Amino acid sequence: MNPLANGQPAVKRIQLYLPETAEDVYYRDDIGNISTSHLNRDDDYLRLDLVPRFPLFGGWSTSFNMGYNLPSGAVLGTDYNSGKFILNSNILPTITDDVFFSSLRVKVILPEGANGVEYDTPFPVEVTQGVEVTYLDYSGRPTVNFKANNLVLEHNDRFNVKYYFSSSSLIGKLITVICAIFAVLFVVMALSRVELNITDDTREKENNFAVSKLETLFDERDEIFQIFDDAINEYVASEEKENYDEAMRTTEEKLNAVNHNLAEASAGLSKGVHKIEEIIGQTLIMINSIKENHKLTIDYKILKKIQKSNYTTQHKKAQSKFESARDRSDILITAIIESSN
């Protein structure tokens, strides 16, 4: 393209004429859609103004894709003498500016089953034929490729491609689709009959391992409860609050870790997973009861904030909550072990 022909030092736009029946016109590059384009309808054609993302100065270049759809009746006809279909179109795009085509490639993809291909071009070009295979094709689609160099707008003329295409070829496509559907259904049916479950022996080993790990964690939990009792007894005897706070913090962390490990270990159980969740809930009730008892003990024996009668009454209530939660937890633990044997 020669920008100086319009008295400009750069190419700022490209104007094309499209057939009036053109639809779904697009203009994009590797980045995406280029919105700087305008499509206007004139009397018997469409005028498309393409504005590049940046002006093209001498030696500069850009790459983009522009395309559109046409009704087949606009370019496809029938030769009633030979019975062939005729594809007739311009070999060059219709551009209003002074454009020079250093290289031209035109690729015509015919429907699958087309044969007896003939072509006619307005000037000598290099022609090759091939086959392109795409989705659900059984033999591929014939292609005709035109190649020419050093062209100007005066070369723009009509070319045509003639070919036979029988409607019976559509049956082959239908059969291909049907076979593809049946192949998918056959694969699905075959996979549904494959046994992918873990064997009973493996599952039993995993279950036994999980039960063994849970028993260890339950014992560890009971040991942690004893540490809570030791911490409050030592605090009452020494009145060292920092040591007590540190002991409570580390012990709670250990108990949280045990609850977390209980939840993980329960994944290996064949049944009784919901009981583990309830055991964790009962454990939380027990720790809250312990904290309540500790506060009562501190208020009565160290801070002297409550009377003995009040302490005794509230202590019994908190201890009752603890024992009730522990009994419920023991029942659940026994049920898990027995159901796994």
Foldseek 3Di string as FASTA:
>chain_A
DDPCVVPDQWAFKWKFKAFPQWADKFKFDPVGGDPPKDWDDDDGIIIIIGGDPDTGGPPRDDDMDIDTDGDCVVAWDADVVVRKIKGKDKQDTGTPDWDKFFKGKDKDWADPPKDPKDKDAPDDWDKDKDFADDPLDDPGTIMIMTIDGTDTPVRTDMMMMIIDDDPVVVVVSVVSVVVVVVVVVVVVVVVVPDDPDDDPVVLLVLQVVLLVVLVVLVVVLVVLVVLLVVLLVVCLVPVPVVSSVVSVVVSVVVNVVSLVVLLVSLVSHPDLSVLSVLLSVLSVQLVVLSVQLSVLCCCVRPVVPDDPVVSVVVNVVSVVSNVVSVVSNVVSSVVSVVVSD
